[in-house]
PDB file of N, CA and C in Angstrom:
ATOM      1  N   MET A   1     127.316 134.454  85.268  1.00  0.00           N
ATOM      2  CA  MET A   1     128.620 134.638  84.687  1.00  0.00           C
ATOM      3  C   MET A   1     128.569 134.434  83.163  1.00  0.00           C
ATOM      4  N   GLN A   2     127.957 133.342  82.705  1.00  0.00           N
ATOM      5  CA  GLN A   2     127.872 133.083  81.269  1.00  0.00           C
ATOM      6  C   GLN A   2     127.100 134.190  80.561  1.00  0.00           C
ATOM      7  N   ASN A   3     126.006 134.630  81.191  1.00  0.00           N
ATOM      8  CA  ASN A   3     125.197 135.696  80.617  1.00  0.00           C
ATOM      9  C   ASN A   3     126.032 136.964  80.428  1.00  0.00           C
ATOM     10  N   ALA A   4     126.829 137.316  81.415  1.00  0.00           N
ATOM     11  CA  ALA A   4     127.667 138.517  81.318  1.00  0.00           C
ATOM     12  C   ALA A   4     128.687 138.375  80.192  1.00  0.00           C
ATOM     13  N   ASN A   5     129.303 137.216  80.062  1.00  0.00           N
ATOM     14  CA  ASN A   5     130.265 136.989  78.975  1.00  0.00           C
ATOM     15  C   ASN A   5     129.586 137.107  77.613  1.00  0.00           C
ATOM     16  N   ASP A   6     128.437 136.439  77.474  1.00  0.00           N
ATOM     17  CA  ASP A   6     127.717 136.457  76.196  1.00  0.00           C
ATOM     18  C   ASP A   6     127.284 137.872  75.822  1.00  0.00           C
ATOM     19  N   MET A   7     126.753 138.600  76.793  1.00  0.00           N
ATOM     20  CA  MET A   7     126.283 139.957  76.508  1.00  0.00           C
ATOM     21  C   MET A   7     127.444 140.879  76.170  1.00  0.00           C
ATOM     22  N   GLY A   8     128.606 140.655  76.777  1.00  0.00           N
ATOM     23  CA  GLY A   8     129.790 141.445  76.455  1.00  0.00           C
ATOM     24  C   GLY A   8     130.200 141.267  75.000  1.00  0.00           C
ATOM     25  N   LEU A   9     130.141 140.025  74.514  1.00  0.00           N
ATOM     26  CA  LEU A   9     130.480 139.760  73.116  1.00  0.00           C
ATOM     27  C   LEU A   9     129.494 140.432  72.167  1.00  0.00           C
ATOM     28  N   ILE A  10     128.222 140.375  72.501  1.00  0.00           N
ATOM     29  CA  ILE A  10     127.189 141.011  71.669  1.00  0.00           C
ATOM     30  C   ILE A  10     127.379 142.529  71.674  1.00  0.00           C
ATOM     31  N   ALA A  11     127.667 143.095  72.847  1.00  0.00           N
ATOM     32  CA  ALA A  11     127.883 144.540  72.937  1.00  0.00           C
ATOM     33  C   ALA A  11     129.077 144.955  72.069  1.00  0.00           C
ATOM     34  N   ALA A  12     130.152 144.182  72.129  1.00  0.00           N
ATOM     35  CA  ALA A  12     131.333 144.495  71.323  1.00  0.00           C
ATOM     36  C   ALA A  12     131.014 144.429  69.833  1.00  0.00           C
ATOM     37  N   ARG A  13     130.284 143.408  69.413  1.00  0.00           N
ATOM     38  CA  ARG A  13     129.916 143.292  67.998  1.00  0.00           C
ATOM     39  C   ARG A  13     129.078 144.486  67.550  1.00  0.00           C
ATOM     40  N   ASN A  14     128.148 144.894  68.397  1.00  0.00           N
ATOM     41  CA  ASN A  14     127.304 146.037  68.057  1.00  0.00           C
ATOM     42  C   ASN A  14     128.117 147.334  68.002  1.00  0.00           C
ATOM     43  N   MET A  15     129.088 147.483  68.893  1.00  0.00           N
ATOM     44  CA  MET A  15     129.942 148.678  68.853  1.00  0.00           C
ATOM     45  C   MET A  15     130.804 148.706  67.593  1.00  0.00           C
ATOM     46  N   LEU A  16     131.098 147.527  67.044  1.00  0.00           N
ATOM     47  CA  LEU A  16     131.906 147.435  65.828  1.00  0.00           C
ATOM     48  C   LEU A  16     131.062 147.520  64.562  1.00  0.00           C
ATOM     49  N   GLY A  17     129.760 147.772  64.722  1.00  0.00           N
ATOM     50  CA  GLY A  17     128.919 148.004  63.563  1.00  0.00           C
ATOM     51  C   GLY A  17     127.940 146.899  63.227  1.00  0.00           C
ATOM     52  N   ASP A  18     128.059 145.740  63.856  1.00  0.00           N
ATOM     53  CA  ASP A  18     127.053 144.697  63.631  1.00  0.00           C
ATOM     54  C   ASP A  18     125.752 145.132  64.290  1.00  0.00           C
ATOM     55  N   SER A  19     124.673 144.635  63.785  1.00  0.00           N
ATOM     56  CA  SER A  19     123.389 144.913  64.404  1.00  0.00           C
ATOM     57  C   SER A  19     122.791 143.573  64.808  1.00  0.00           C
ATOM     58  N   VAL A  20     123.213 143.082  65.981  1.00  0.00           N
ATOM     59  CA  VAL A  20     122.761 141.768  66.436  1.00  0.00           C
ATOM     60  C   VAL A  20     122.053 141.881  67.771  1.00  0.00           C
ATOM     61  N   ASP A  21     121.035 141.059  67.931  1.00  0.00           N
ATOM     62  CA  ASP A  21     120.298 140.990  69.190  1.00  0.00           C
ATOM     63  C   ASP A  21     120.892 139.903  70.074  1.00  0.00           C
ATOM     64  N   TYR A  22     120.718 140.056  71.360  1.00  0.00           N
ATOM     65  CA  TYR A  22     121.113 139.012  72.303  1.00  0.00           C
ATOM     66  C   TYR A  22     119.939 138.065  72.439  1.00  0.00           C
ATOM     67  N   ASN A  23     120.072 136.891  71.859  1.00  0.00           N
ATOM     68  CA  ASN A  23     118.994 135.906  71.848  1.00  0.00           C
ATOM     69  C   ASN A  23     119.588 134.526  72.146  1.00  0.00           C
ATOM     70  N   PRO A  24     119.954 134.281  73.409  1.00  0.00           N
ATOM     71  CA  PRO A  24     120.653 133.035  73.737  1.00  0.00           C
ATOM     72  C   PRO A  24     119.726 131.815  73.735  1.00  0.00           C
ATOM     73  N   THR A  25     120.324 130.673  73.498  1.00  0.00           N
ATOM     74  CA  THR A  25     119.612 129.407  73.653  1.00  0.00           C
ATOM     75  C   THR A  25     119.616 129.061  75.137  1.00  0.00           C
ATOM     76  N   PRO A  26     118.456 128.875  75.739  1.00  0.00           N
ATOM     77  CA  PRO A  26     118.430 128.513  77.163  1.00  0.00           C
ATOM     78  C   PRO A  26     119.131 127.173  77.397  1.00  0.00           C
ATOM     79  N   TRP A  27     119.877 127.085  78.494  1.00  0.00           N
ATOM     80  CA  TRP A  27     120.528 125.838  78.854  1.00  0.00           C
ATOM     81  C   TRP A  27     120.614 125.752  80.375  1.00  0.00           C
ATOM     82  N   PHE A  28     120.803 124.515  80.837  1.00  0.00           N
ATOM     83  CA  PHE A  28     120.787 124.259  82.276  1.00  0.00           C
ATOM     84  C   PHE A  28     121.494 122.944  82.533  1.00  0.00           C
ATOM     85  N   TRP A  29     122.123 122.816  83.687  1.00  0.00           N
ATOM     86  CA  TRP A  29     122.662 121.524  84.092  1.00  0.00           C
ATOM     87  C   TRP A  29     122.532 121.389  85.599  1.00  0.00           C
ATOM     88  N   SER A  30     122.465 120.145  86.030  1.00  0.00           N
ATOM     89  CA  SER A  30     122.390 119.851  87.455  1.00  0.00           C
ATOM     90  C   SER A  30     122.964 118.471  87.717  1.00  0.00           C
ATOM     91  N   ASP A  31     123.785 118.369  88.735  1.00  0.00           N
ATOM     92  CA  ASP A  31     124.313 117.079  89.174  1.00  0.00           C
ATOM     93  C   ASP A  31     123.505 116.629  90.382  1.00  0.00           C
ATOM     94  N   GLN A  32     122.933 115.441  90.285  1.00  0.00           N
ATOM     95  CA  GLN A  32     122.157 114.857  91.374  1.00  0.00           C
ATOM     96  C   GLN A  32     122.741 113.482  91.683  1.00  0.00           C
ATOM     97  N   PHE A  33     123.647 113.436  92.661  1.00  0.00           N
ATOM     98  CA  PHE A  33     124.359 112.208  93.000  1.00  0.00           C
ATOM     99  C   PHE A  33     125.079 111.696  91.757  1.00  0.00           C
ATOM    100  N   GLU A  34     124.788 110.498  91.282  1.00  0.00           N
ATOM    101  CA  GLU A  34     125.498 109.948  90.125  1.00  0.00           C
ATOM    102  C   GLU A  34     124.869 110.372  88.792  1.00  0.00           C
ATOM    103  N   LEU A  35     123.841 111.194  88.838  1.00  0.00           N
ATOM    104  CA  LEU A  35     123.148 111.617  87.623  1.00  0.00           C
ATOM    105  C   LEU A  35     123.529 113.049  87.239  1.00  0.00           C
ATOM    106  N   LYS A  36     123.731 113.261  85.951  1.00  0.00           N
ATOM    107  CA  LYS A  36     123.977 114.606  85.432  1.00  0.00           C
ATOM    108  C   LYS A  36     122.891 114.902  84.407  1.00  0.00           C
ATOM    109  N   LEU A  37     122.089 115.905  84.690  1.00  0.00           N
ATOM    110  CA  LEU A  37     121.038 116.340  83.785  1.00  0.00           C
ATOM    111  C   LEU A  37     121.503 117.615  83.097  1.00  0.00           C
ATOM    112  N   GLN A  38     121.439 117.625  81.770  1.00  0.00           N
ATOM    113  CA  GLN A  38     121.788 118.807  80.992  1.00  0.00           C
ATOM    114  C   GLN A  38     120.646 119.073  80.023  1.00  0.00           C
ATOM    115  N   ILE A  39     120.219 120.330  79.958  1.00  0.00           N
ATOM    116  CA  ILE A  39     119.072 120.709  79.135  1.00  0.00           C
ATOM    117  C   ILE A  39     119.488 121.837  78.200  1.00  0.00           C
ATOM    118  N   ALA A  40     119.111 121.709  76.940  1.00  0.00           N
ATOM    119  CA  ALA A  40     119.329 122.769  75.946  1.00  0.00           C
ATOM    120  C   ALA A  40     117.987 123.099  75.317  1.00  0.00           C
ATOM    121  N   GLY A  41     117.650 124.378  75.238  1.00  0.00           N
ATOM    122  CA  GLY A  41     116.382 124.803  74.662  1.00  0.00           C
ATOM    123  C   GLY A  41     115.255 124.746  75.672  1.00  0.00           C
ATOM    124  N   LEU A  42     114.054 125.059  75.190  1.00  0.00           N
ATOM    125  CA  LEU A  42     112.850 125.006  76.036  1.00  0.00           C
ATOM    126  C   LEU A  42     111.845 124.070  75.385  1.00  0.00           C
ATOM    127  N   ASN A  43     111.339 123.126  76.154  1.00  0.00           N
ATOM    128  CA  ASN A  43     110.412 122.137  75.586  1.00  0.00           C
ATOM    129  C   ASN A  43     108.947 122.560  75.667  1.00  0.00           C
ATOM    130  N   THR A  44     108.684 123.816  75.902  1.00  0.00           N
ATOM    131  CA  THR A  44     107.314 124.313  76.005  1.00  0.00           C
ATOM    132  C   THR A  44     106.556 124.128  74.691  1.00  0.00           C
ATOM    133  N   GLY A  45     105.397 123.509  74.766  1.00  0.00           N
ATOM    134  CA  GLY A  45     104.535 123.368  73.603  1.00  0.00           C
ATOM    135  C   GLY A  45     104.865 122.214  72.681  1.00  0.00           C
ATOM    136  N   TYR A  46     105.690 121.292  73.124  1.00  0.00           N
ATOM    137  CA  TYR A  46     106.064 120.167  72.259  1.00  0.00           C
ATOM    138  C   TYR A  46     104.863 119.262  71.982  1.00  0.00           C
ATOM    139  N   ASP A  47     104.914 118.576  70.839  1.00  0.00           N
ATOM    140  CA  ASP A  47     103.873 117.605  70.522  1.00  0.00           C
ATOM    141  C   ASP A  47     104.457 116.213  70.246  1.00  0.00           C
ATOM    142  N   ARG A  48     105.786 116.113  70.337  1.00  0.00           N
ATOM    143  CA  ARG A  48     106.430 114.811  70.133  1.00  0.00           C
ATOM    144  C   ARG A  48     107.744 114.762  70.903  1.00  0.00           C
ATOM    145  N   VAL A  49     107.986 113.613  71.540  1.00  0.00           N
ATOM    146  CA  VAL A  49     109.242 113.380  72.247  1.00  0.00           C
ATOM    147  C   VAL A  49     109.884 112.124  71.657  1.00  0.00           C
ATOM    148  N   VAL A  50     111.157 112.240  71.329  1.00  0.00           N
ATOM    149  CA  VAL A  50     111.910 111.097  70.816  1.00  0.00           C
ATOM    150  C   VAL A  50     113.033 110.815  71.805  1.00  0.00           C
ATOM    151  N   THR A  51     113.108 109.577  72.287  1.00  0.00           N
ATOM    152  CA  THR A  51     114.161 109.183  73.216  1.00  0.00           C
ATOM    153  C   THR A  51     115.281 108.518  72.434  1.00  0.00           C
ATOM    154  N   ARG A  52     116.496 108.945  72.716  1.00  0.00           N
ATOM    155  CA  ARG A  52     117.677 108.405  72.037  1.00  0.00           C
ATOM    156  C   ARG A  52     118.626 107.867  73.106  1.00  0.00           C
ATOM    157  N   PRO A  53     119.015 106.591  72.986  1.00  0.00           N
ATOM    158  CA  PRO A  53     119.963 106.050  73.965  1.00  0.00           C
ATOM    159  C   PRO A  53     121.347 106.660  73.784  1.00  0.00           C
ATOM    160  N   GLY A  54     122.044 106.851  74.883  1.00  0.00           N
ATOM    161  CA  GLY A  54     123.414 107.356  74.824  1.00  0.00           C
ATOM    162  C   GLY A  54     124.392 106.207  74.636  1.00  0.00           C
ATOM    163  N   VAL A  55     125.655 106.559  74.485  1.00  0.00           N
ATOM    164  CA  VAL A  55     126.658 105.511  74.282  1.00  0.00           C
ATOM    165  C   VAL A  55     127.010 104.801  75.582  1.00  0.00           C
ATOM    166  N   ARG A  56     126.991 105.518  76.671  1.00  0.00           N
ATOM    167  CA  ARG A  56     127.310 104.898  77.969  1.00  0.00           C
ATOM    168  C   ARG A  56     126.065 104.223  78.547  1.00  0.00           C
ATOM    169  N   GLU A  57     126.293 103.220  79.351  1.00  0.00           N
ATOM    170  CA  GLU A  57     125.184 102.509  79.989  1.00  0.00           C
ATOM    171  C   GLU A  57     124.372 103.475  80.854  1.00  0.00           C
ATOM    172  N   GLY A  58     123.057 103.461  80.673  1.00  0.00           N
ATOM    173  CA  GLY A  58     122.157 104.309  81.446  1.00  0.00           C
ATOM    174  C   GLY A  58     121.999 105.717  80.904  1.00  0.00           C
ATOM    175  N   ALA A  59     122.782 106.069  79.896  1.00  0.00           N
ATOM    176  CA  ALA A  59     122.678 107.419  79.316  1.00  0.00           C
ATOM    177  C   ALA A  59     121.547 107.449  78.300  1.00  0.00           C
ATOM    178  N   LYS A  60     120.801 108.545  78.308  1.00  0.00           N
ATOM    179  CA  LYS A  60     119.751 108.726  77.301  1.00  0.00           C
ATOM    180  C   LYS A  60     119.393 110.201  77.207  1.00  0.00           C
ATOM    181  N   SER A  61     118.791 110.538  76.080  1.00  0.00           N
ATOM    182  CA  SER A  61     118.368 111.915  75.850  1.00  0.00           C
ATOM    183  C   SER A  61     116.963 111.925  75.283  1.00  0.00           C
ATOM    184  N   HIS A  62     116.214 112.944  75.657  1.00  0.00           N
ATOM    185  CA  HIS A  62     114.867 113.149  75.137  1.00  0.00           C
ATOM    186  C   HIS A  62     114.886 114.407  74.276  1.00  0.00           C
ATOM    187  N   PHE A  63     114.466 114.260  73.024  1.00  0.00           N
ATOM    188  CA  PHE A  63     114.409 115.370  72.082  1.00  0.00           C
ATOM    189  C   PHE A  63     112.950 115.776  71.910  1.00  0.00           C
ATOM    190  N   TYR A  64     112.683 117.067  72.014  1.00  0.00           N
ATOM    191  CA  TYR A  64     111.325 117.597  71.958  1.00  0.00           C
ATOM    192  C   TYR A  64     111.111 118.329  70.631  1.00  0.00           C
ATOM    193  N   PHE A  65     109.979 118.033  69.994  1.00  0.00           N
ATOM    194  CA  PHE A  65     109.636 118.630  68.707  1.00  0.00           C
ATOM    195  C   PHE A  65     108.225 119.201  68.752  1.00  0.00           C
ATOM    196  N   LYS A  66     108.013 120.232  67.963  1.00  0.00           N
ATOM    197  CA  LYS A  66     106.662 120.774  67.758  1.00  0.00           C
ATOM    198  C   LYS A  66     106.482 120.934  66.254  1.00  0.00           C
ATOM    199  N   ALA A  67     105.510 120.218  65.702  1.00  0.00           N
ATOM    200  CA  ALA A  67     105.246 120.227  64.260  1.00  0.00           C
ATOM    201  C   ALA A  67     106.528 119.930  63.482  1.00  0.00           C
ATOM    202  N   GLY A  68     107.345 119.008  64.013  1.00  0.00           N
ATOM    203  CA  GLY A  68     108.573 118.596  63.351  1.00  0.00           C
ATOM    204  C   GLY A  68     109.775 119.480  63.592  1.00  0.00           C
ATOM    205  N   ARG A  69     109.587 120.608  64.295  1.00  0.00           N
ATOM    206  CA  ARG A  69     110.696 121.533  64.571  1.00  0.00           C
ATOM    207  C   ARG A  69     111.321 121.210  65.920  1.00  0.00           C
ATOM    208  N   PHE A  70     112.637 121.080  65.940  1.00  0.00           N
ATOM    209  CA  PHE A  70     113.389 120.752  67.148  1.00  0.00           C
ATOM    210  C   PHE A  70     113.350 121.920  68.124  1.00  0.00           C
ATOM    211  N   LEU A  71     112.878 121.655  69.357  1.00  0.00           N
ATOM    212  CA  LEU A  71     112.754 122.681  70.391  1.00  0.00           C
ATOM    213  C   LEU A  71     113.816 122.583  71.479  1.00  0.00           C
ATOM    214  N   ALA A  72     114.081 121.340  71.940  1.00  0.00           N
ATOM    215  CA  ALA A  72     114.923 121.181  73.122  1.00  0.00           C
ATOM    216  C   ALA A  72     115.368 119.733  73.280  1.00  0.00           C
ATOM    217  N   ALA A  73     116.377 119.560  74.134  1.00  0.00           N
ATOM    218  CA  ALA A  73     116.833 118.215  74.493  1.00  0.00           C
ATOM    219  C   ALA A  73     117.113 118.177  75.989  1.00  0.00           C
ATOM    220  N   ASP A  74     116.669 117.108  76.634  1.00  0.00           N
ATOM    221  CA  ASP A  74     117.011 116.815  78.021  1.00  0.00           C
ATOM    222  C   ASP A  74     117.925 115.607  77.984  1.00  0.00           C
ATOM    223  N   CYS A  75     119.153 115.761  78.462  1.00  0.00           N
ATOM    224  CA  CYS A  75     120.154 114.700  78.349  1.00  0.00           C
ATOM    225  C   CYS A  75     120.556 114.233  79.741  1.00  0.00           C
ATOM    226  N   LEU A  76     120.460 112.945  79.968  1.00  0.00           N
ATOM    227  CA  LEU A  76     120.799 112.357  81.254  1.00  0.00           C
ATOM    228  C   LEU A  76     122.065 111.519  81.095  1.00  0.00           C
ATOM    229  N   ASN A  77     123.137 111.954  81.748  1.00  0.00           N
ATOM    230  CA  ASN A  77     124.438 111.292  81.654  1.00  0.00           C
ATOM    231  C   ASN A  77     124.881 111.123  80.205  1.00  0.00           C
ATOM    232  N   ASP A  78     124.566 112.095  79.372  1.00  0.00           N
ATOM    233  CA  ASP A  78     124.823 112.018  77.931  1.00  0.00           C
ATOM    234  C   ASP A  78     125.377 113.362  77.438  1.00  0.00           C
ATOM    235  N   GLY A  79     126.540 113.727  77.992  1.00  0.00           N
ATOM    236  CA  GLY A  79     127.133 115.031  77.719  1.00  0.00           C
ATOM    237  C   GLY A  79     127.430 115.302  76.258  1.00  0.00           C
ATOM    238  N   ALA A  80     127.886 114.295  75.527  1.00  0.00           N
ATOM    239  CA  ALA A  80     128.217 114.499  74.112  1.00  0.00           C
ATOM    240  C   ALA A  80     126.963 114.860  73.317  1.00  0.00           C
ATOM    241  N   THR A  81     125.860 114.177  73.583  1.00  0.00           N
ATOM    242  CA  THR A  81     124.609 114.481  72.883  1.00  0.00           C
ATOM    243  C   THR A  81     124.111 115.862  73.259  1.00  0.00           C
ATOM    244  N   TYR A  82     124.264 116.223  74.522  1.00  0.00           N
ATOM    245  CA  TYR A  82     123.872 117.562  74.968  1.00  0.00           C
ATOM    246  C   TYR A  82     124.614 118.639  74.183  1.00  0.00           C
ATOM    247  N   MET A  83     125.925 118.485  74.048  1.00  0.00           N
ATOM    248  CA  MET A  83     126.715 119.498  73.346  1.00  0.00           C
ATOM    249  C   MET A  83     126.290 119.618  71.884  1.00  0.00           C
ATOM    250  N   VAL A  84     126.033 118.483  71.236  1.00  0.00           N
ATOM    251  CA  VAL A  84     125.599 118.514  69.833  1.00  0.00           C
ATOM    252  C   VAL A  84     124.220 119.164  69.731  1.00  0.00           C
ATOM    253  N   ALA A  85     123.299 118.776  70.613  1.00  0.00           N
ATOM    254  CA  ALA A  85     121.944 119.350  70.589  1.00  0.00           C
ATOM    255  C   ALA A  85     121.996 120.857  70.800  1.00  0.00           C
ATOM    256  N   ARG A  86     122.800 121.297  71.729  1.00  0.00           N
ATOM    257  CA  ARG A  86     122.916 122.736  71.999  1.00  0.00           C
ATOM    258  C   ARG A  86     123.482 123.470  70.784  1.00  0.00           C
ATOM    259  N   ARG A  87     124.493 122.894  70.161  1.00  0.00           N
ATOM    260  CA  ARG A  87     125.084 123.532  68.976  1.00  0.00           C
ATOM    261  C   ARG A  87     124.104 123.546  67.802  1.00  0.00           C
ATOM    262  N   ILE A  88     123.286 122.511  67.683  1.00  0.00           N
ATOM    263  CA  ILE A  88     122.258 122.499  66.637  1.00  0.00           C
ATOM    264  C   ILE A  88     121.290 123.657  66.863  1.00  0.00           C
ATOM    265  N   LEU A  89     120.838 123.815  68.102  1.00  0.00           N
ATOM    266  CA  LEU A  89     119.908 124.899  68.420  1.00  0.00           C
ATOM    267  C   LEU A  89     120.556 126.269  68.222  1.00  0.00           C
ATOM    268  N   GLU A  90     121.760 126.444  68.737  1.00  0.00           N
ATOM    269  CA  GLU A  90     122.431 127.739  68.638  1.00  0.00           C
ATOM    270  C   GLU A  90     122.776 128.105  67.199  1.00  0.00           C
ATOM    271  N   GLY A  91     123.047 127.099  66.391  1.00  0.00           N
ATOM    272  CA  GLY A  91     123.430 127.361  65.011  1.00  0.00           C
ATOM    273  C   GLY A  91     122.266 127.445  64.054  1.00  0.00           C
ATOM    274  N   GLY A  92     121.051 127.269  64.574  1.00  0.00           N
ATOM    275  CA  GLY A  92     119.876 127.311  63.716  1.00  0.00           C
ATOM    276  C   GLY A  92     119.818 126.146  62.740  1.00  0.00           C
ATOM    277  N   LYS A  93     120.481 125.048  63.096  1.00  0.00           N
ATOM    278  CA  LYS A  93     120.486 123.859  62.243  1.00  0.00           C
ATOM    279  C   LYS A  93     119.181 123.099  62.419  1.00  0.00           C
ATOM    280  N   THR A  94     118.965 122.116  61.566  1.00  0.00           N
ATOM    281  CA  THR A  94     117.746 121.328  61.600  1.00  0.00           C
ATOM    282  C   THR A  94     118.071 119.872  61.892  1.00  0.00           C
ATOM    283  N   VAL A  95     117.294 119.277  62.769  1.00  0.00           N
ATOM    284  CA  VAL A  95     117.349 117.836  63.005  1.00  0.00           C
ATOM    285  C   VAL A  95     115.902 117.345  63.006  1.00  0.00           C
ATOM    286  N   THR A  96     115.673 116.190  62.420  1.00  0.00           N
ATOM    287  CA  THR A  96     114.323 115.649  62.340  1.00  0.00           C
ATOM    288  C   THR A  96     114.123 114.568  63.396  1.00  0.00           C
ATOM    289  N   PRO A  97     112.873 114.295  63.747  1.00  0.00           N
ATOM    290  CA  PRO A  97     112.612 113.202  64.678  1.00  0.00           C
ATOM    291  C   PRO A  97     113.156 111.870  64.148  1.00  0.00           C
ATOM    292  N   GLU A  98     113.085 111.673  62.839  1.00  0.00           N
ATOM    293  CA  GLU A  98     113.560 110.417  62.248  1.00  0.00           C
ATOM    294  C   GLU A  98     115.077 110.269  62.405  1.00  0.00           C
ATOM    295  N   GLN A  99     115.817 111.371  62.281  1.00  0.00           N
ATOM    296  CA  GLN A  99     117.264 111.315  62.478  1.00  0.00           C
ATOM    297  C   GLN A  99     117.591 110.975  63.927  1.00  0.00           C
ATOM    298  N   VAL A 100     116.858 111.561  64.860  1.00  0.00           N
ATOM    299  CA  VAL A 100     117.093 111.288  66.280  1.00  0.00           C
ATOM    300  C   VAL A 100     116.763 109.835  66.606  1.00  0.00           C
ATOM    301  N   GLU A 101     115.687 109.309  66.029  1.00  0.00           N
ATOM    302  CA  GLU A 101     115.278 107.916  66.284  1.00  0.00           C
ATOM    303  C   GLU A 101     116.294 106.902  65.781  1.00  0.00           C
ATOM    304  N   ASP A 102     117.035 107.256  64.746  1.00  0.00           N
ATOM    305  CA  ASP A 102     118.016 106.356  64.145  1.00  0.00           C
ATOM    306  C   ASP A 102     119.302 106.395  64.971  1.00  0.00           C
ATOM    307  N   ALA A 103     119.488 105.404  65.846  1.00  0.00           N
ATOM    308  CA  ALA A 103     120.650 105.368  66.735  1.00  0.00           C
ATOM    309  C   ALA A 103     121.965 105.330  65.952  1.00  0.00           C
ATOM    310  N   GLY A 104     121.936 104.897  64.711  1.00  0.00           N
ATOM    311  CA  GLY A 104     123.133 104.853  63.882  1.00  0.00           C
ATOM    312  C   GLY A 104     123.470 106.177  63.208  1.00  0.00           C
ATOM    313  N   PHE A 105     122.530 107.130  63.261  1.00  0.00           N
ATOM    314  CA  PHE A 105     122.756 108.425  62.619  1.00  0.00           C
ATOM    315  C   PHE A 105     123.622 109.291  63.525  1.00  0.00           C
ATOM    316  N   ALA A 106     124.692 109.829  62.983  1.00  0.00           N
ATOM    317  CA  ALA A 106     125.602 110.697  63.760  1.00  0.00           C
ATOM    318  C   ALA A 106     125.042 112.119  63.774  1.00  0.00           C
ATOM    319  N   LEU A 107     124.476 112.519  64.892  1.00  0.00           N
ATOM    320  CA  LEU A 107     123.915 113.862  65.009  1.00  0.00           C
ATOM    321  C   LEU A 107     124.978 114.927  64.757  1.00  0.00           C
ATOM    322  N   LYS A 108     126.214 114.618  65.116  1.00  0.00           N
ATOM    323  CA  LYS A 108     127.305 115.557  64.929  1.00  0.00           C
ATOM    324  C   LYS A 108     127.502 115.917  63.453  1.00  0.00           C
ATOM    325  N   SER A 109     127.065 115.057  62.560  1.00  0.00           N
ATOM    326  CA  SER A 109     127.218 115.327  61.125  1.00  0.00           C
ATOM    327  C   SER A 109     126.374 116.534  60.694  1.00  0.00           C
ATOM    328  N   LEU A 110     125.420 116.928  61.502  1.00  0.00           N
ATOM    329  CA  LEU A 110     124.579 118.080  61.174  1.00  0.00           C
ATOM    330  C   LEU A 110     125.281 119.408  61.433  1.00  0.00           C
ATOM    331  N   LEU A 111     126.385 119.348  62.145  1.00  0.00           N
ATOM    332  CA  LEU A 111     127.111 120.571  62.459  1.00  0.00           C
ATOM    333  C   LEU A 111     128.043 120.904  61.342  1.00  0.00           C
TER     334      LEU A 111
END
């Protein structure tokens, strides 16, 4: 369903004269009992993982980097971080491993 909606928007833009490719950021979610896993991007080929604690008890996210470039995030019970990570990836923004490691750094400020 999401794919059809996204492709419809791209098709409309192209019909209106834009020349844009459909290049979505991969994402996934799954509910497993009391756990919610949300993934943005693909962590293939990473060389560094940074774990960031979430605000809620038991929440955490893993950020994957390759040569300092942000590839993906796996978020466990950490929906707010997932949304920010996905928007960073979709917007072509940059986040560094050092920013992710700093629990006091507001990732949302990168948007």
